[in-house]
């Protein structure tokens, strides 16, 4: 297993596919991910990727708080248990990026549509001009109200 971790953000699993496709030198990859519907779909797609590449994916699926604790400890102690992991966008630049715990994903290849990333999302995953995670999805919340009531 590689000692450096490649990251895809909770924001990240299309990234997981892109990162995994870019790591053909690895025979076995361990992915730490949150237990949600999108990641379950990714797990179901992994046999197709394994067949195409000859590599194997080991999934470590955890509840969000457990995942956050385990991967933070793993990265901080340089344990190297995980090759790919999902993290939240709010952790990427201020904590993980600035601590030097992430590898840049600016080199996913010409076919990766960096310009398709929503600018504020991309900016939120960038530290010192380097992109450190790519989103699987991005979401926002907002409040709607009736102006005539206020």
N, C-alpha and C. Protein backbone atom coordinates (compact mmCIF):
# COMPACT_ATOMS: atom_id res chain seq x y z
N UNK A 1 0.85 -1.18 0.00
CA UNK A 1 0.00 0.00 0.00
C UNK A 1 0.90 1.24 0.00
N UNK A 2 0.52 2.24 -0.75
CA UNK A 2 1.31 3.47 -0.80
C UNK A 2 1.18 4.22 0.51
N UNK A 3 2.25 4.92 0.87
CA UNK A 3 2.20 5.66 2.12
C UNK A 3 1.52 7.01 1.95
N UNK A 4 1.47 7.52 0.75
CA UNK A 4 0.78 8.79 0.52
C UNK A 4 -0.67 8.51 0.19
N UNK A 5 -1.53 9.32 0.63
CA UNK A 5 -2.97 9.13 0.38
C UNK A 5 -3.45 10.04 -0.73
N UNK A 6 -4.18 9.46 -1.66
CA UNK A 6 -4.86 10.24 -2.68
C UNK A 6 -6.25 10.56 -2.14
N UNK A 7 -6.70 11.72 -2.42
CA UNK A 7 -7.94 12.14 -1.80
C UNK A 7 -9.00 12.51 -2.82
N UNK A 8 -10.12 12.11 -2.50
CA UNK A 8 -11.29 12.58 -3.19
C UNK A 8 -12.20 13.11 -2.10
N UNK A 9 -12.84 14.21 -2.24
CA UNK A 9 -13.63 14.79 -1.17
C UNK A 9 -14.96 14.12 -1.00
N UNK A 10 -15.59 14.24 0.21
CA UNK A 10 -16.98 13.78 0.39
C UNK A 10 -17.72 14.39 -0.75
N UNK A 11 -17.37 15.53 -0.93
CA UNK A 11 -17.55 16.14 -2.20
C UNK A 11 -16.99 15.15 -3.19
N UNK A 12 -16.43 14.01 -3.09
CA UNK A 12 -15.60 13.38 -4.09
C UNK A 12 -15.81 11.93 -4.41
N UNK A 13 -16.37 11.53 -5.38
CA UNK A 13 -16.28 10.13 -5.75
C UNK A 13 -16.20 9.94 -7.23
N UNK A 14 -16.79 10.85 -7.96
CA UNK A 14 -16.42 10.83 -9.37
C UNK A 14 -14.92 10.98 -9.36
N UNK A 15 -14.47 11.76 -8.41
CA UNK A 15 -13.04 11.90 -8.20
C UNK A 15 -12.45 10.56 -7.86
N UNK A 16 -13.12 9.81 -7.02
CA UNK A 16 -12.62 8.49 -6.69
C UNK A 16 -12.40 7.67 -7.93
N UNK A 17 -13.34 7.71 -8.86
CA UNK A 17 -13.19 6.97 -10.10
C UNK A 17 -12.02 7.53 -10.89
N UNK A 18 -11.95 8.84 -11.00
CA UNK A 18 -10.86 9.45 -11.75
C UNK A 18 -9.52 9.15 -11.11
N UNK A 19 -9.44 9.26 -9.80
CA UNK A 19 -8.19 8.97 -9.12
C UNK A 19 -7.81 7.51 -9.26
N UNK A 20 -8.78 6.64 -9.11
CA UNK A 20 -8.49 5.22 -9.22
C UNK A 20 -8.02 4.88 -10.62
N UNK A 21 -8.64 5.47 -11.62
CA UNK A 21 -8.24 5.20 -12.99
C UNK A 21 -6.82 5.69 -13.23
N UNK A 22 -6.42 6.74 -12.52
CA UNK A 22 -5.09 7.29 -12.69
C UNK A 22 -4.03 6.57 -11.89
N UNK A 23 -4.37 5.58 -11.12
CA UNK A 23 -3.39 4.90 -10.30
C UNK A 23 -3.23 3.45 -10.72
N UNK A 24 -3.04 3.24 -12.00
CA UNK A 24 -2.95 1.89 -12.54
C UNK A 24 -1.75 1.12 -12.00
N UNK A 25 -0.77 1.80 -11.42
CA UNK A 25 0.40 1.14 -10.87
C UNK A 25 0.08 0.40 -9.58
N UNK A 26 -1.03 0.71 -8.96
CA UNK A 26 -1.38 0.07 -7.70
C UNK A 26 -2.09 -1.24 -7.97
N UNK A 27 -1.74 -2.26 -7.20
CA UNK A 27 -2.41 -3.54 -7.34
C UNK A 27 -3.65 -3.61 -6.47
N UNK A 28 -3.60 -2.92 -5.35
CA UNK A 28 -4.71 -2.95 -4.41
C UNK A 28 -4.85 -1.57 -3.78
N UNK A 29 -6.07 -1.04 -3.81
CA UNK A 29 -6.34 0.27 -3.24
C UNK A 29 -7.34 0.13 -2.11
N UNK A 30 -7.09 0.85 -1.03
CA UNK A 30 -8.04 0.86 0.08
C UNK A 30 -8.72 2.22 0.10
N UNK A 31 -10.05 2.18 0.04
CA UNK A 31 -10.85 3.40 0.00
C UNK A 31 -11.62 3.52 1.31
N UNK A 32 -11.41 4.62 2.02
CA UNK A 32 -12.18 4.92 3.23
C UNK A 32 -13.29 5.88 2.84
N UNK A 33 -14.51 5.51 3.13
CA UNK A 33 -15.62 6.35 2.70
C UNK A 33 -16.77 6.34 3.70
N UNK A 34 -17.59 7.34 3.57
CA UNK A 34 -18.77 7.47 4.41
C UNK A 34 -19.84 6.48 3.93
N UNK A 35 -20.67 6.08 4.86
CA UNK A 35 -21.74 5.14 4.56
C UNK A 35 -22.97 5.90 4.06
N UNK A 36 -22.98 6.22 2.76
CA UNK A 36 -24.18 6.85 2.20
C UNK A 36 -24.51 6.22 0.85
N UNK A 37 -25.65 6.55 0.33
CA UNK A 37 -26.14 5.92 -0.89
C UNK A 37 -25.22 6.06 -2.08
N UNK A 38 -24.60 7.23 -2.23
CA UNK A 38 -23.72 7.45 -3.38
C UNK A 38 -22.48 6.57 -3.32
N UNK A 39 -21.96 6.38 -2.13
CA UNK A 39 -20.77 5.53 -2.00
C UNK A 39 -21.13 4.06 -2.18
N UNK A 40 -22.33 3.68 -1.81
CA UNK A 40 -22.78 2.31 -2.03
C UNK A 40 -22.86 2.04 -3.54
N UNK A 41 -23.33 3.03 -4.29
CA UNK A 41 -23.36 2.90 -5.75
C UNK A 41 -21.94 2.74 -6.28
N UNK A 42 -21.00 3.52 -5.75
CA UNK A 42 -19.61 3.41 -6.19
C UNK A 42 -19.07 2.01 -5.93
N UNK A 43 -19.41 1.44 -4.78
CA UNK A 43 -18.96 0.08 -4.47
C UNK A 43 -19.51 -0.91 -5.50
N UNK A 44 -20.75 -0.72 -5.89
CA UNK A 44 -21.36 -1.62 -6.87
C UNK A 44 -20.69 -1.50 -8.24
N UNK A 45 -20.12 -0.33 -8.53
CA UNK A 45 -19.44 -0.12 -9.81
C UNK A 45 -17.99 -0.62 -9.80
N UNK A 46 -17.44 -0.85 -8.62
CA UNK A 46 -16.01 -1.19 -8.55
C UNK A 46 -15.63 -2.48 -9.26
N UNK A 47 -16.47 -3.54 -9.30
CA UNK A 47 -16.05 -4.73 -10.05
C UNK A 47 -15.78 -4.44 -11.53
N UNK A 48 -16.53 -3.52 -12.09
CA UNK A 48 -16.31 -3.14 -13.48
C UNK A 48 -14.93 -2.49 -13.64
N UNK A 49 -14.59 -1.59 -12.71
CA UNK A 49 -13.28 -0.94 -12.75
C UNK A 49 -12.17 -1.95 -12.50
N UNK A 50 -12.37 -2.85 -11.54
CA UNK A 50 -11.37 -3.88 -11.24
C UNK A 50 -11.11 -4.75 -12.47
N UNK A 51 -12.15 -5.11 -13.16
CA UNK A 51 -12.00 -5.93 -14.36
C UNK A 51 -11.22 -5.18 -15.44
N UNK A 52 -11.51 -3.90 -15.60
CA UNK A 52 -10.85 -3.10 -16.63
C UNK A 52 -9.38 -2.84 -16.33
N UNK A 53 -9.02 -2.76 -15.05
CA UNK A 53 -7.65 -2.39 -14.68
C UNK A 53 -6.81 -3.54 -14.15
N UNK A 54 -7.45 -4.60 -13.69
CA UNK A 54 -6.71 -5.69 -13.06
C UNK A 54 -6.34 -5.40 -11.62
N UNK A 55 -6.79 -4.28 -11.10
CA UNK A 55 -6.51 -3.90 -9.71
C UNK A 55 -7.70 -4.23 -8.83
N UNK A 56 -7.49 -4.15 -7.53
CA UNK A 56 -8.55 -4.49 -6.57
C UNK A 56 -8.81 -3.30 -5.66
N UNK A 57 -10.07 -3.13 -5.29
CA UNK A 57 -10.46 -2.07 -4.35
C UNK A 57 -10.98 -2.72 -3.07
N UNK A 58 -10.42 -2.31 -1.95
CA UNK A 58 -10.92 -2.70 -0.63
C UNK A 58 -11.66 -1.50 -0.06
N UNK A 59 -12.93 -1.68 0.25
CA UNK A 59 -13.75 -0.59 0.77
C UNK A 59 -13.82 -0.66 2.29
N UNK A 60 -13.53 0.46 2.94
CA UNK A 60 -13.73 0.61 4.38
C UNK A 60 -14.85 1.64 4.51
N UNK A 61 -16.04 1.17 4.88
CA UNK A 61 -17.23 2.02 4.92
C UNK A 61 -17.59 2.29 6.38
N UNK A 62 -17.66 3.57 6.74
CA UNK A 62 -17.87 3.97 8.13
C UNK A 62 -18.92 5.07 8.22
N UNK A 63 -19.51 5.19 9.39
CA UNK A 63 -20.39 6.33 9.66
C UNK A 63 -19.53 7.59 9.62
N UNK A 64 -20.14 8.72 9.29
CA UNK A 64 -19.38 9.95 9.04
C UNK A 64 -18.44 10.35 10.17
N UNK A 65 -18.90 10.38 11.40
CA UNK A 65 -18.03 10.80 12.50
C UNK A 65 -16.88 9.83 12.74
N UNK A 66 -17.14 8.55 12.58
CA UNK A 66 -16.09 7.54 12.74
C UNK A 66 -15.08 7.68 11.60
N UNK A 67 -15.57 7.87 10.39
CA UNK A 67 -14.69 8.07 9.24
C UNK A 67 -13.78 9.26 9.46
N UNK A 68 -14.37 10.38 9.86
CA UNK A 68 -13.58 11.60 10.06
C UNK A 68 -12.47 11.36 11.09
N UNK A 69 -12.80 10.70 12.19
CA UNK A 69 -11.80 10.44 13.23
C UNK A 69 -10.71 9.50 12.73
N UNK A 70 -11.11 8.41 12.08
CA UNK A 70 -10.12 7.42 11.63
C UNK A 70 -9.18 7.96 10.56
N UNK A 71 -9.74 8.66 9.57
CA UNK A 71 -8.85 9.14 8.51
C UNK A 71 -7.98 10.29 8.99
N UNK A 72 -8.49 11.13 9.88
CA UNK A 72 -7.65 12.19 10.42
C UNK A 72 -6.49 11.61 11.21
N UNK A 73 -6.76 10.63 12.04
CA UNK A 73 -5.70 9.96 12.79
C UNK A 73 -4.72 9.27 11.85
N UNK A 74 -5.24 8.58 10.85
CA UNK A 74 -4.39 7.87 9.89
C UNK A 74 -3.44 8.82 9.17
N UNK A 75 -3.97 9.94 8.70
CA UNK A 75 -3.15 10.89 7.96
C UNK A 75 -2.16 11.59 8.89
N UNK A 76 -2.63 12.03 10.05
CA UNK A 76 -1.76 12.76 10.98
C UNK A 76 -0.60 11.91 11.47
N UNK A 77 -0.83 10.62 11.63
CA UNK A 77 0.23 9.73 12.12
C UNK A 77 1.00 9.06 10.99
N UNK A 78 0.63 9.37 9.74
CA UNK A 78 1.27 8.79 8.55
C UNK A 78 1.20 7.27 8.56
N UNK A 79 0.10 6.75 9.02
CA UNK A 79 -0.10 5.31 9.10
C UNK A 79 -0.22 4.67 7.72
N UNK A 80 -0.88 5.35 6.79
CA UNK A 80 -0.97 4.85 5.42
C UNK A 80 -1.97 3.73 5.21
N UNK A 81 -3.01 3.67 6.01
CA UNK A 81 -4.02 2.63 5.84
C UNK A 81 -4.86 2.83 4.59
N UNK A 82 -5.02 4.08 4.17
CA UNK A 82 -5.95 4.39 3.09
C UNK A 82 -5.23 5.04 1.91
N UNK A 83 -5.62 4.64 0.71
CA UNK A 83 -5.08 5.23 -0.50
C UNK A 83 -5.98 6.34 -1.03
N UNK A 84 -7.28 6.16 -0.86
CA UNK A 84 -8.28 7.12 -1.32
C UNK A 84 -9.29 7.28 -0.20
N UNK A 85 -9.73 8.52 0.03
CA UNK A 85 -10.72 8.72 1.07
C UNK A 85 -11.64 9.86 0.72
N UNK A 86 -12.79 9.83 1.34
CA UNK A 86 -13.74 10.92 1.15
C UNK A 86 -13.70 11.80 2.39
N UNK A 87 -13.59 13.10 2.14
CA UNK A 87 -13.57 14.07 3.23
C UNK A 87 -14.50 15.21 2.85
N UNK A 88 -14.85 16.00 3.83
CA UNK A 88 -15.72 17.14 3.59
C UNK A 88 -14.95 18.33 3.04
N UNK A 89 -15.64 19.16 2.28
CA UNK A 89 -15.02 20.33 1.69
C UNK A 89 -14.51 21.33 2.71
N UNK A 90 -15.15 21.40 3.85
CA UNK A 90 -14.69 22.35 4.86
C UNK A 90 -13.40 21.90 5.53
N UNK A 91 -13.02 20.65 5.39
CA UNK A 91 -11.76 20.16 5.94
C UNK A 91 -10.61 20.31 4.96
N UNK A 92 -10.92 20.30 3.68
CA UNK A 92 -9.89 20.21 2.66
C UNK A 92 -8.86 21.33 2.73
N UNK A 93 -9.22 22.60 2.46
CA UNK A 93 -8.16 23.59 2.44
C UNK A 93 -7.62 24.00 3.80
N UNK A 94 -8.48 24.34 4.76
CA UNK A 94 -7.92 24.92 5.98
C UNK A 94 -7.15 23.93 6.84
N UNK A 95 -7.51 22.68 6.79
CA UNK A 95 -6.86 21.71 7.67
C UNK A 95 -5.92 20.82 6.86
N UNK A 96 -6.48 20.02 5.99
CA UNK A 96 -5.72 18.99 5.29
C UNK A 96 -4.73 19.58 4.28
N UNK A 97 -5.19 20.55 3.50
CA UNK A 97 -4.31 21.15 2.49
C UNK A 97 -3.15 21.89 3.11
N UNK A 98 -3.45 22.74 4.09
CA UNK A 98 -2.40 23.53 4.72
C UNK A 98 -1.44 22.69 5.54
N UNK A 99 -1.91 21.56 6.03
CA UNK A 99 -1.04 20.66 6.81
C UNK A 99 -0.14 19.82 5.90
N UNK A 100 -0.38 19.88 4.60
CA UNK A 100 0.42 19.09 3.66
C UNK A 100 0.02 17.63 3.64
N UNK A 101 -1.19 17.32 4.05
CA UNK A 101 -1.64 15.93 4.12
C UNK A 101 -2.22 15.42 2.81
N UNK A 102 -2.39 16.29 1.83
CA UNK A 102 -3.03 15.91 0.58
C UNK A 102 -2.07 16.06 -0.59
N UNK A 103 -2.30 15.26 -1.61
CA UNK A 103 -1.59 15.42 -2.87
C UNK A 103 -2.50 16.21 -3.81
N UNK A 104 -1.91 17.07 -4.59
CA UNK A 104 -2.67 17.86 -5.55
C UNK A 104 -3.32 16.94 -6.58
N UNK A 105 -4.51 17.29 -7.00
CA UNK A 105 -5.19 16.55 -8.06
C UNK A 105 -5.32 17.43 -9.31
N UNK A 106 -4.32 18.27 -9.53
CA UNK A 106 -4.29 19.12 -10.71
C UNK A 106 -3.89 18.36 -11.97
N UNK A 107 -3.56 17.09 -11.84
CA UNK A 107 -3.04 16.32 -12.97
C UNK A 107 -3.89 15.09 -13.29
N UNK A 108 -5.19 15.24 -13.29
CA UNK A 108 -6.07 14.10 -13.58
C UNK A 108 -6.19 13.82 -15.08
N UNK A 109 -5.50 14.58 -15.89
CA UNK A 109 -5.49 14.33 -17.32
C UNK A 109 -6.32 15.34 -18.09
N UNK A 110 -6.04 15.40 -19.38
CA UNK A 110 -6.70 16.37 -20.24
C UNK A 110 -8.21 16.15 -20.34
N UNK A 111 -8.65 14.92 -20.18
CA UNK A 111 -10.07 14.62 -20.31
C UNK A 111 -10.89 15.03 -19.10
N UNK A 112 -10.22 15.32 -17.97
CA UNK A 112 -10.98 15.72 -16.79
C UNK A 112 -11.44 17.16 -16.97
N UNK A 113 -12.71 17.43 -16.77
CA UNK A 113 -13.30 18.74 -17.03
C UNK A 113 -13.18 19.69 -15.85
N UNK A 114 -11.98 20.17 -15.56
CA UNK A 114 -11.80 21.10 -14.45
C UNK A 114 -12.71 22.32 -14.58
N UNK A 115 -12.94 22.78 -15.80
CA UNK A 115 -13.78 23.95 -16.00
C UNK A 115 -15.25 23.67 -15.69
N UNK A 116 -15.61 22.40 -15.57
CA UNK A 116 -16.98 22.04 -15.21
C UNK A 116 -17.25 22.21 -13.71
N UNK A 117 -16.20 22.35 -12.92
CA UNK A 117 -16.37 22.52 -11.48
C UNK A 117 -16.96 23.91 -11.20
N UNK A 118 -17.94 23.96 -10.35
CA UNK A 118 -18.53 25.24 -9.96
C UNK A 118 -17.42 26.05 -9.29
N UNK A 119 -17.23 27.30 -9.73
CA UNK A 119 -16.09 28.10 -9.27
C UNK A 119 -15.97 28.20 -7.75
N UNK A 120 -17.05 28.49 -7.01
CA UNK A 120 -16.89 28.55 -5.55
C UNK A 120 -16.51 27.20 -4.93
N UNK A 121 -17.00 26.11 -5.51
CA UNK A 121 -16.64 24.79 -5.01
C UNK A 121 -15.16 24.54 -5.26
N UNK A 122 -14.72 24.82 -6.48
CA UNK A 122 -13.30 24.63 -6.81
C UNK A 122 -12.42 25.50 -5.91
N UNK A 123 -12.81 26.75 -5.71
CA UNK A 123 -12.03 27.64 -4.85
C UNK A 123 -11.95 27.10 -3.43
N UNK A 124 -13.03 26.50 -2.96
CA UNK A 124 -13.05 25.95 -1.61
C UNK A 124 -12.19 24.72 -1.44
N UNK A 125 -11.78 24.11 -2.53
CA UNK A 125 -10.95 22.91 -2.48
C UNK A 125 -9.52 23.19 -2.92
N UNK A 126 -9.19 24.48 -3.02
CA UNK A 126 -7.89 24.91 -3.52
C UNK A 126 -7.11 25.60 -2.41
N UNK A 127 -5.82 25.28 -2.33
CA UNK A 127 -4.92 25.93 -1.38
C UNK A 127 -3.69 26.38 -2.15
N UNK A 128 -3.35 27.65 -2.03
CA UNK A 128 -2.17 28.21 -2.71
C UNK A 128 -2.15 27.86 -4.19
N UNK A 129 -3.31 27.95 -4.83
CA UNK A 129 -3.41 27.71 -6.26
C UNK A 129 -3.44 26.26 -6.70
N UNK A 130 -3.42 25.32 -5.76
CA UNK A 130 -3.45 23.90 -6.09
C UNK A 130 -4.76 23.28 -5.64
N UNK A 131 -5.36 22.50 -6.52
CA UNK A 131 -6.60 21.80 -6.23
C UNK A 131 -6.29 20.50 -5.49
N UNK A 132 -6.91 20.31 -4.31
CA UNK A 132 -6.59 19.15 -3.49
C UNK A 132 -7.72 18.14 -3.36
N UNK A 133 -8.85 18.40 -3.95
CA UNK A 133 -9.95 17.44 -3.95
C UNK A 133 -10.88 17.81 -5.10
N UNK A 134 -11.64 16.84 -5.55
CA UNK A 134 -12.64 17.12 -6.58
C UNK A 134 -13.98 16.61 -6.08
N UNK A 135 -15.04 17.31 -6.40
CA UNK A 135 -16.33 16.96 -5.82
C UNK A 135 -17.02 15.77 -6.49
N UNK A 136 -17.65 14.99 -5.69
CA UNK A 136 -18.59 13.99 -6.21
C UNK A 136 -19.91 14.70 -6.45
N UNK A 137 -20.25 15.58 -5.55
CA UNK A 137 -21.40 16.45 -5.70
C UNK A 137 -21.16 17.68 -4.83
N UNK A 138 -21.92 18.70 -5.08
CA UNK A 138 -21.85 19.90 -4.25
C UNK A 138 -23.29 20.27 -3.92
N UNK A 139 -23.48 20.74 -2.73
CA UNK A 139 -24.83 21.12 -2.34
C UNK A 139 -24.78 22.37 -1.50
N UNK A 140 -25.92 22.96 -1.35
CA UNK A 140 -26.02 24.17 -0.57
C UNK A 140 -27.38 24.18 0.12
N UNK A 141 -27.50 25.00 1.12
CA UNK A 141 -28.80 25.18 1.75
C UNK A 141 -29.12 26.67 1.73
N UNK A 142 -30.36 26.98 1.76
CA UNK A 142 -30.77 28.37 1.76
C UNK A 142 -32.14 28.48 2.40
N UNK A 143 -32.51 29.69 2.71
CA UNK A 143 -33.80 29.95 3.34
C UNK A 143 -34.67 30.75 2.38
N UNK A 144 -35.88 30.28 2.19
CA UNK A 144 -36.86 31.01 1.39
C UNK A 144 -37.90 31.60 2.34
N UNK A 145 -38.36 32.77 2.03
CA UNK A 145 -39.40 33.37 2.86
C UNK A 145 -40.30 34.26 2.01
N UNK A 146 -41.46 34.49 2.50
CA UNK A 146 -42.41 35.39 1.83
C UNK A 146 -42.17 36.81 2.31
N UNK A 147 -41.80 37.67 1.41
CA UNK A 147 -41.52 39.06 1.76
C UNK A 147 -42.74 39.78 2.34
N UNK A 148 -43.92 39.38 1.89
CA UNK A 148 -45.12 40.07 2.37
C UNK A 148 -45.42 39.78 3.84
N UNK A 149 -44.76 38.79 4.42
CA UNK A 149 -44.98 38.48 5.84
C UNK A 149 -43.97 39.17 6.76
N UNK A 150 -42.94 39.76 6.18
CA UNK A 150 -41.89 40.37 7.01
C UNK A 150 -41.70 41.82 6.71
